[in-house]
Amino acid sequence: MLIETMAVSRWYQMRSWGLETATLADGSCTLDLITRSEARFVRQYNRALQRLILLRSTQSPFPKAPSGANLAA
């Protein structure tokens, strides 16, 4: 789910760059709205990335043995 969030956020960010380019000659307040949206997508991406890094750092690389398992056998 975090990877999907990151991918969607990145897609929206790239889309907003195209919209910014298209509205540069417009002169309206649309550019301000696009810039705010872009900042939101960047924050969303970074938040998901930090959660993914935290999740990966807290997980053990080896699965735990079932309780009562005889490891010496």
N, C-alpha and C. Protein backbone atom coordinates (compact mmCIF):
# COMPACT_ATOMS: atom_id res chain seq x y z
N MET A 1 0.82 -1.18 0.00
CA MET A 1 0.00 0.00 0.00
C MET A 1 0.88 1.26 0.00
N LEU A 2 1.98 1.22 0.71
CA LEU A 2 2.88 2.37 0.75
C LEU A 2 3.50 2.62 -0.62
N ILE A 3 3.88 1.55 -1.30
CA ILE A 3 4.47 1.69 -2.64
C ILE A 3 3.43 2.28 -3.60
N GLU A 4 2.20 1.83 -3.48
CA GLU A 4 1.13 2.36 -4.33
C GLU A 4 0.91 3.86 -4.05
N THR A 5 0.91 4.23 -2.79
CA THR A 5 0.76 5.63 -2.41
C THR A 5 1.89 6.46 -2.99
N MET A 6 3.11 5.94 -2.92
CA MET A 6 4.25 6.66 -3.48
C MET A 6 4.12 6.81 -4.99
N ALA A 7 3.70 5.76 -5.67
CA ALA A 7 3.57 5.81 -7.13
C ALA A 7 2.50 6.82 -7.56
N VAL A 8 1.37 6.80 -6.88
CA VAL A 8 0.29 7.72 -7.22
C VAL A 8 0.70 9.16 -6.93
N SER A 9 1.35 9.37 -5.79
CA SER A 9 1.80 10.72 -5.44
C SER A 9 2.79 11.24 -6.46
N ARG A 10 3.69 10.39 -6.89
CA ARG A 10 4.69 10.80 -7.88
C ARG A 10 4.01 11.11 -9.22
N TRP A 11 3.00 10.31 -9.60
CA TRP A 11 2.29 10.56 -10.85
C TRP A 11 1.58 11.91 -10.79
N TYR A 12 0.91 12.19 -9.68
CA TYR A 12 0.22 13.47 -9.54
C TYR A 12 1.21 14.63 -9.54
N GLN A 13 2.37 14.44 -8.93
CA GLN A 13 3.38 15.49 -8.92
C GLN A 13 3.84 15.79 -10.34
N MET A 14 4.11 14.75 -11.10
CA MET A 14 4.54 14.95 -12.48
C MET A 14 3.44 15.59 -13.32
N ARG A 15 2.22 15.21 -13.05
CA ARG A 15 1.08 15.80 -13.76
C ARG A 15 0.96 17.29 -13.43
N SER A 16 1.19 17.64 -12.18
CA SER A 16 1.10 19.05 -11.79
C SER A 16 2.18 19.87 -12.47
N TRP A 17 3.35 19.28 -12.75
CA TRP A 17 4.40 20.00 -13.47
C TRP A 17 3.90 20.37 -14.87
N GLY A 18 3.21 19.44 -15.51
CA GLY A 18 2.66 19.73 -16.83
C GLY A 18 1.60 20.81 -16.78
N LEU A 19 0.78 20.78 -15.75
CA LEU A 19 -0.24 21.81 -15.60
C LEU A 19 0.39 23.18 -15.32
N GLU A 20 1.45 23.20 -14.53
CA GLU A 20 2.16 24.45 -14.26
C GLU A 20 2.67 25.06 -15.56
N THR A 21 3.27 24.23 -16.38
CA THR A 21 3.81 24.71 -17.65
C THR A 21 2.71 25.28 -18.53
N ALA A 22 1.56 24.61 -18.54
CA ALA A 22 0.45 25.05 -19.37
C ALA A 22 -0.17 26.34 -18.87
N THR A 23 -0.09 26.62 -17.57
CA THR A 23 -0.76 27.80 -17.02
C THR A 23 0.19 28.97 -16.76
N LEU A 24 1.47 28.83 -17.09
CA LEU A 24 2.41 29.93 -16.84
C LEU A 24 1.99 31.21 -17.55
N ALA A 25 1.45 31.10 -18.74
CA ALA A 25 1.05 32.28 -19.50
C ALA A 25 -0.35 32.74 -19.14
N ASP A 26 -1.00 32.02 -18.27
CA ASP A 26 -2.39 32.32 -17.94
C ASP A 26 -2.51 33.58 -17.08
N GLY A 27 -1.69 33.70 -16.06
CA GLY A 27 -1.72 34.88 -15.20
C GLY A 27 -2.79 34.82 -14.12
N SER A 28 -3.50 33.73 -14.01
CA SER A 28 -4.56 33.62 -13.00
C SER A 28 -3.98 33.02 -11.71
N CYS A 29 -4.85 32.80 -10.74
CA CYS A 29 -4.41 32.21 -9.46
C CYS A 29 -4.34 30.68 -9.55
N THR A 30 -4.55 30.15 -10.74
CA THR A 30 -4.50 28.70 -10.93
C THR A 30 -3.12 28.15 -10.58
N LEU A 31 -2.10 28.90 -10.90
CA LEU A 31 -0.74 28.46 -10.62
C LEU A 31 -0.52 28.27 -9.11
N ASP A 32 -1.10 29.14 -8.30
CA ASP A 32 -0.99 29.00 -6.84
C ASP A 32 -1.65 27.71 -6.37
N LEU A 33 -2.79 27.39 -6.91
CA LEU A 33 -3.50 26.16 -6.53
C LEU A 33 -2.70 24.93 -6.93
N ILE A 34 -2.13 24.96 -8.11
CA ILE A 34 -1.34 23.83 -8.59
C ILE A 34 -0.11 23.65 -7.71
N THR A 35 0.53 24.74 -7.34
CA THR A 35 1.72 24.68 -6.50
C THR A 35 1.39 24.10 -5.13
N ARG A 36 0.26 24.49 -4.56
CA ARG A 36 -0.16 23.92 -3.27
C ARG A 36 -0.44 22.43 -3.39
N SER A 37 -1.09 22.04 -4.47
CA SER A 37 -1.37 20.62 -4.69
C SER A 37 -0.08 19.83 -4.83
N GLU A 38 0.86 20.39 -5.58
CA GLU A 38 2.14 19.72 -5.77
C GLU A 38 2.85 19.51 -4.43
N ALA A 39 2.82 20.52 -3.58
CA ALA A 39 3.45 20.40 -2.26
C ALA A 39 2.79 19.30 -1.44
N ARG A 40 1.49 19.18 -1.57
CA ARG A 40 0.77 18.12 -0.84
C ARG A 40 1.21 16.74 -1.34
N PHE A 41 1.37 16.58 -2.64
CA PHE A 41 1.79 15.30 -3.19
C PHE A 41 3.22 14.96 -2.78
N VAL A 42 4.09 15.96 -2.72
CA VAL A 42 5.46 15.74 -2.28
C VAL A 42 5.47 15.27 -0.82
N ARG A 43 4.67 15.93 0.03
CA ARG A 43 4.59 15.52 1.44
C ARG A 43 4.04 14.11 1.57
N GLN A 44 3.02 13.79 0.77
CA GLN A 44 2.43 12.46 0.82
C GLN A 44 3.45 11.40 0.41
N TYR A 45 4.21 11.67 -0.63
CA TYR A 45 5.25 10.75 -1.07
C TYR A 45 6.29 10.54 0.02
N ASN A 46 6.79 11.66 0.57
CA ASN A 46 7.83 11.57 1.60
C ASN A 46 7.33 10.86 2.85
N ARG A 47 6.09 11.09 3.24
CA ARG A 47 5.52 10.42 4.40
C ARG A 47 5.45 8.91 4.18
N ALA A 48 5.00 8.50 3.00
CA ALA A 48 4.93 7.07 2.69
C ALA A 48 6.32 6.45 2.63
N LEU A 49 7.30 7.19 2.08
CA LEU A 49 8.67 6.68 2.02
C LEU A 49 9.24 6.50 3.42
N GLN A 50 9.03 7.46 4.30
CA GLN A 50 9.53 7.34 5.67
C GLN A 50 8.88 6.17 6.40
N ARG A 51 7.60 5.95 6.18
CA ARG A 51 6.92 4.81 6.80
C ARG A 51 7.47 3.50 6.27
N LEU A 52 7.76 3.44 4.98
CA LEU A 52 8.32 2.24 4.38
C LEU A 52 9.71 1.95 4.94
N ILE A 53 10.53 2.99 5.06
CA ILE A 53 11.86 2.81 5.63
C ILE A 53 11.77 2.33 7.07
N LEU A 54 10.88 2.93 7.85
CA LEU A 54 10.70 2.51 9.23
C LEU A 54 10.21 1.07 9.31
N LEU A 55 9.27 0.71 8.47
CA LEU A 55 8.74 -0.65 8.46
C LEU A 55 9.83 -1.66 8.12
N ARG A 56 10.64 -1.34 7.12
CA ARG A 56 11.72 -2.26 6.72
C ARG A 56 12.80 -2.37 7.79
N SER A 57 13.04 -1.30 8.53
CA SER A 57 14.09 -1.34 9.54
C SER A 57 13.65 -2.10 10.79
N THR A 58 12.35 -2.20 11.03
CA THR A 58 11.86 -2.90 12.22
C THR A 58 11.58 -4.37 11.95
N GLN A 59 11.58 -4.79 10.71
CA GLN A 59 11.32 -6.19 10.39
C GLN A 59 12.62 -6.98 10.41
N SER A 60 12.53 -8.17 10.97
CA SER A 60 13.68 -9.06 11.01
C SER A 60 13.87 -9.68 9.63
N PRO A 61 15.10 -9.81 9.17
CA PRO A 61 15.31 -10.42 7.85
C PRO A 61 15.03 -11.92 7.85
N PHE A 62 14.98 -12.53 9.04
CA PHE A 62 14.74 -13.96 9.14
C PHE A 62 13.43 -14.21 9.86
N PRO A 63 12.60 -15.10 9.36
CA PRO A 63 11.34 -15.39 10.05
C PRO A 63 11.60 -16.05 11.40
N LYS A 64 10.73 -15.79 12.35
CA LYS A 64 10.87 -16.39 13.67
C LYS A 64 10.46 -17.85 13.61
N ALA A 65 11.17 -18.67 14.35
CA ALA A 65 10.83 -20.10 14.43
C ALA A 65 9.55 -20.24 15.26
N PRO A 66 8.70 -21.21 14.90
CA PRO A 66 7.50 -21.43 15.70
C PRO A 66 7.87 -21.80 17.13
N SER A 67 7.05 -21.38 18.07
CA SER A 67 7.35 -21.67 19.47
C SER A 67 7.33 -23.19 19.69
N GLY A 68 8.29 -23.65 20.43
CA GLY A 68 8.40 -25.09 20.71
C GLY A 68 9.12 -25.86 19.63
N ALA A 69 9.61 -25.19 18.61
CA ALA A 69 10.32 -25.90 17.54
C ALA A 69 11.70 -26.32 18.02
N ASN A 70 12.10 -27.49 17.64
CA ASN A 70 13.41 -28.01 18.02
C ASN A 70 14.40 -27.60 16.94
N LEU A 71 15.23 -26.62 17.25
CA LEU A 71 16.19 -26.10 16.26
C LEU A 71 17.42 -26.99 16.15
N ALA A 72 17.66 -27.85 17.14
CA ALA A 72 18.86 -28.68 17.13
C ALA A 72 18.68 -29.91 16.26
N ALA A 73 17.50 -30.23 15.86
CA ALA A 73 17.25 -31.44 15.09
C ALA A 73 17.70 -31.35 13.67
